[in-house]
Amino acid sequence: MVRVDVIMRAARGQTNYMIAKQLGISRNTVKLWRYRFAREGTTGLITRPISGRPPKHLDRQKSPLDVGKPSA
C-alpha cells in the first residue's frame, strides 16, 4: 500500500521529494498522507468516501458496449 510506504519512508528520514520520486507519485500526495498520518494516526490512511454525484452506470444496467451482444 503506497500510503503506508510513504509513512515508512518518511520515518526513515527520506524527504518528500525522494519519496515522491521513488514511488512515482506527486510531492503533494506525499504531503497529504504525511499530514493525515500526523493528525489522525493510522485512521488517516483509510480511504474516505468521495463527494459528488453517484455513478450513473449501475450493475443492473447494460453498458453501451453490451448492446447487441447475445445474453448469456
N, C-alpha and C. Protein backbone atom coordinates (compact mmCIF):
# COMPACT_ATOMS: atom_id res chain seq x y z
N MET A 1 0.85 -1.17 0.00
CA MET A 1 0.00 0.00 0.00
C MET A 1 0.90 1.24 0.00
N VAL A 2 0.66 2.12 -0.95
CA VAL A 2 1.51 3.29 -1.14
C VAL A 2 1.48 4.20 0.09
N ARG A 3 0.33 4.36 0.70
CA ARG A 3 0.21 5.27 1.84
C ARG A 3 1.11 4.85 2.99
N VAL A 4 1.11 3.58 3.28
CA VAL A 4 1.96 3.07 4.36
C VAL A 4 3.43 3.20 3.97
N ASP A 5 3.73 2.95 2.70
CA ASP A 5 5.10 3.09 2.21
C ASP A 5 5.59 4.52 2.38
N VAL A 6 4.72 5.49 2.12
CA VAL A 6 5.07 6.91 2.30
C VAL A 6 5.47 7.15 3.76
N ILE A 7 4.66 6.67 4.67
CA ILE A 7 4.91 6.90 6.10
C ILE A 7 6.18 6.20 6.55
N MET A 8 6.40 4.97 6.10
CA MET A 8 7.61 4.24 6.49
C MET A 8 8.88 4.92 5.97
N ARG A 9 8.83 5.39 4.74
CA ARG A 9 10.00 6.07 4.18
C ARG A 9 10.26 7.39 4.90
N ALA A 10 9.19 8.09 5.25
CA ALA A 10 9.34 9.35 6.00
C ALA A 10 9.94 9.08 7.37
N ALA A 11 9.53 7.99 7.99
CA ALA A 11 10.07 7.64 9.31
C ALA A 11 11.56 7.33 9.23
N ARG A 12 12.02 6.86 8.07
CA ARG A 12 13.45 6.58 7.87
C ARG A 12 14.24 7.84 7.52
N GLY A 13 13.51 8.97 7.41
CA GLY A 13 14.20 10.23 7.17
C GLY A 13 14.26 10.69 5.73
N GLN A 14 13.57 10.00 4.83
CA GLN A 14 13.59 10.43 3.44
C GLN A 14 12.77 11.71 3.27
N THR A 15 13.18 12.54 2.34
CA THR A 15 12.45 13.78 2.06
C THR A 15 11.21 13.48 1.23
N ASN A 16 10.28 14.43 1.23
CA ASN A 16 9.08 14.28 0.40
C ASN A 16 9.45 14.11 -1.07
N TYR A 17 10.43 14.86 -1.51
CA TYR A 17 10.87 14.76 -2.90
C TYR A 17 11.37 13.36 -3.22
N MET A 18 12.21 12.81 -2.35
CA MET A 18 12.76 11.47 -2.57
C MET A 18 11.65 10.42 -2.58
N ILE A 19 10.72 10.53 -1.64
CA ILE A 19 9.62 9.57 -1.55
C ILE A 19 8.78 9.63 -2.82
N ALA A 20 8.43 10.83 -3.24
CA ALA A 20 7.60 11.01 -4.43
C ALA A 20 8.28 10.43 -5.66
N LYS A 21 9.54 10.71 -5.81
CA LYS A 21 10.28 10.23 -6.98
C LYS A 21 10.37 8.71 -6.99
N GLN A 22 10.68 8.11 -5.85
CA GLN A 22 10.83 6.65 -5.78
C GLN A 22 9.51 5.91 -5.97
N LEU A 23 8.41 6.50 -5.51
CA LEU A 23 7.10 5.84 -5.61
C LEU A 23 6.32 6.24 -6.86
N GLY A 24 6.81 7.25 -7.59
CA GLY A 24 6.14 7.68 -8.80
C GLY A 24 4.83 8.43 -8.53
N ILE A 25 4.81 9.20 -7.44
CA ILE A 25 3.64 10.00 -7.09
C ILE A 25 4.08 11.44 -6.91
N SER A 26 3.13 12.35 -6.76
CA SER A 26 3.49 13.76 -6.61
C SER A 26 3.90 14.07 -5.17
N ARG A 27 4.64 15.16 -5.02
CA ARG A 27 5.01 15.59 -3.67
C ARG A 27 3.79 16.00 -2.88
N ASN A 28 2.78 16.55 -3.55
CA ASN A 28 1.55 16.91 -2.85
C ASN A 28 0.86 15.69 -2.26
N THR A 29 0.91 14.57 -2.97
CA THR A 29 0.33 13.34 -2.45
C THR A 29 1.09 12.86 -1.23
N VAL A 30 2.40 12.95 -1.28
CA VAL A 30 3.23 12.58 -0.12
C VAL A 30 2.88 13.47 1.06
N LYS A 31 2.79 14.77 0.83
CA LYS A 31 2.45 15.70 1.91
C LYS A 31 1.07 15.40 2.49
N LEU A 32 0.12 15.06 1.63
CA LEU A 32 -1.24 14.75 2.09
C LEU A 32 -1.23 13.57 3.06
N TRP A 33 -0.57 12.49 2.67
CA TRP A 33 -0.58 11.30 3.53
C TRP A 33 0.22 11.52 4.79
N ARG A 34 1.30 12.25 4.73
CA ARG A 34 2.07 12.55 5.94
C ARG A 34 1.26 13.43 6.89
N TYR A 35 0.55 14.40 6.33
CA TYR A 35 -0.29 15.30 7.14
C TYR A 35 -1.41 14.51 7.82
N ARG A 36 -2.10 13.68 7.06
CA ARG A 36 -3.20 12.90 7.63
C ARG A 36 -2.69 11.95 8.71
N PHE A 37 -1.54 11.34 8.47
CA PHE A 37 -0.98 10.43 9.47
C PHE A 37 -0.59 11.18 10.73
N ALA A 38 0.02 12.35 10.58
CA ALA A 38 0.42 13.14 11.75
C ALA A 38 -0.80 13.60 12.55
N ARG A 39 -1.87 13.90 11.84
CA ARG A 39 -3.07 14.42 12.50
C ARG A 39 -3.96 13.33 13.08
N GLU A 40 -4.10 12.20 12.35
CA GLU A 40 -5.09 11.19 12.72
C GLU A 40 -4.52 9.81 13.00
N GLY A 41 -3.21 9.65 12.83
CA GLY A 41 -2.63 8.33 13.01
C GLY A 41 -3.02 7.41 11.86
N THR A 42 -3.06 6.11 12.12
CA THR A 42 -3.36 5.15 11.05
C THR A 42 -4.77 5.32 10.49
N THR A 43 -5.67 5.86 11.26
CA THR A 43 -7.03 6.12 10.77
C THR A 43 -7.02 7.08 9.59
N GLY A 44 -6.08 7.98 9.57
CA GLY A 44 -5.98 8.95 8.48
C GLY A 44 -5.57 8.35 7.16
N LEU A 45 -5.08 7.11 7.16
CA LEU A 45 -4.64 6.47 5.93
C LEU A 45 -5.76 5.68 5.24
N ILE A 46 -6.91 5.59 5.88
CA ILE A 46 -8.04 4.85 5.32
C ILE A 46 -8.69 5.69 4.22
N THR A 47 -9.12 5.03 3.16
CA THR A 47 -9.80 5.72 2.07
C THR A 47 -11.11 6.29 2.56
N ARG A 48 -11.32 7.55 2.26
CA ARG A 48 -12.55 8.24 2.67
C ARG A 48 -13.54 8.26 1.51
N PRO A 49 -14.82 8.32 1.85
CA PRO A 49 -15.80 8.45 0.76
C PRO A 49 -15.61 9.78 0.03
N ILE A 50 -15.84 9.76 -1.26
CA ILE A 50 -15.70 10.99 -2.02
C ILE A 50 -17.06 11.64 -2.21
N SER A 51 -17.05 12.94 -2.31
CA SER A 51 -18.30 13.66 -2.50
C SER A 51 -18.65 13.68 -3.98
N GLY A 52 -19.85 14.05 -4.25
CA GLY A 52 -20.27 14.18 -5.65
C GLY A 52 -21.40 13.25 -6.00
N ARG A 53 -21.79 13.35 -7.21
CA ARG A 53 -22.91 12.58 -7.71
C ARG A 53 -22.53 11.11 -7.84
N PRO A 54 -23.44 10.21 -7.48
CA PRO A 54 -23.13 8.78 -7.63
C PRO A 54 -23.02 8.41 -9.11
N PRO A 55 -22.33 7.32 -9.41
CA PRO A 55 -22.17 6.94 -10.82
C PRO A 55 -23.52 6.63 -11.47
N LYS A 56 -23.62 6.94 -12.76
CA LYS A 56 -24.85 6.68 -13.50
C LYS A 56 -25.02 5.20 -13.81
N HIS A 57 -23.92 4.53 -14.11
CA HIS A 57 -23.96 3.13 -14.51
C HIS A 57 -24.11 2.23 -13.30
N LEU A 58 -25.21 1.55 -13.22
CA LEU A 58 -25.45 0.61 -12.13
C LEU A 58 -25.24 -0.81 -12.64
N ASP A 59 -24.99 -1.74 -11.74
CA ASP A 59 -24.73 -3.12 -12.13
C ASP A 59 -25.88 -3.71 -12.95
N ARG A 60 -27.10 -3.32 -12.65
CA ARG A 60 -28.24 -3.91 -13.34
C ARG A 60 -28.45 -3.31 -14.74
N GLN A 61 -27.75 -2.23 -15.05
CA GLN A 61 -27.86 -1.62 -16.36
C GLN A 61 -26.83 -2.21 -17.31
N LYS A 62 -27.16 -2.21 -18.57
CA LYS A 62 -26.21 -2.69 -19.57
C LYS A 62 -25.31 -1.55 -20.01
N SER A 63 -24.08 -1.86 -20.22
CA SER A 63 -23.13 -0.91 -20.76
C SER A 63 -23.44 -0.69 -22.23
N PRO A 64 -23.16 0.52 -22.75
CA PRO A 64 -23.35 0.75 -24.19
C PRO A 64 -22.54 -0.25 -25.03
N LEU A 65 -21.47 -0.79 -24.49
CA LEU A 65 -20.66 -1.76 -25.21
C LEU A 65 -21.33 -3.12 -25.27
N ASP A 66 -22.31 -3.38 -24.39
CA ASP A 66 -23.01 -4.66 -24.36
C ASP A 66 -24.22 -4.70 -25.28
N VAL A 67 -24.63 -3.57 -25.81
CA VAL A 67 -25.80 -3.52 -26.67
C VAL A 67 -25.53 -4.34 -27.93
N GLY A 68 -26.45 -5.20 -28.27
CA GLY A 68 -26.30 -6.02 -29.45
C GLY A 68 -25.63 -7.35 -29.19
N LYS A 69 -25.07 -7.55 -28.00
CA LYS A 69 -24.45 -8.83 -27.67
C LYS A 69 -25.53 -9.78 -27.18
N PRO A 70 -25.42 -11.05 -27.53
CA PRO A 70 -26.41 -12.00 -27.01
C PRO A 70 -26.25 -12.17 -25.49
N SER A 71 -27.38 -12.34 -24.81
CA SER A 71 -27.35 -12.55 -23.36
C SER A 71 -26.83 -13.95 -23.07
N ALA A 72 -26.08 -14.06 -21.98
CA ALA A 72 -25.52 -15.36 -21.60
C ALA A 72 -26.46 -16.14 -20.75
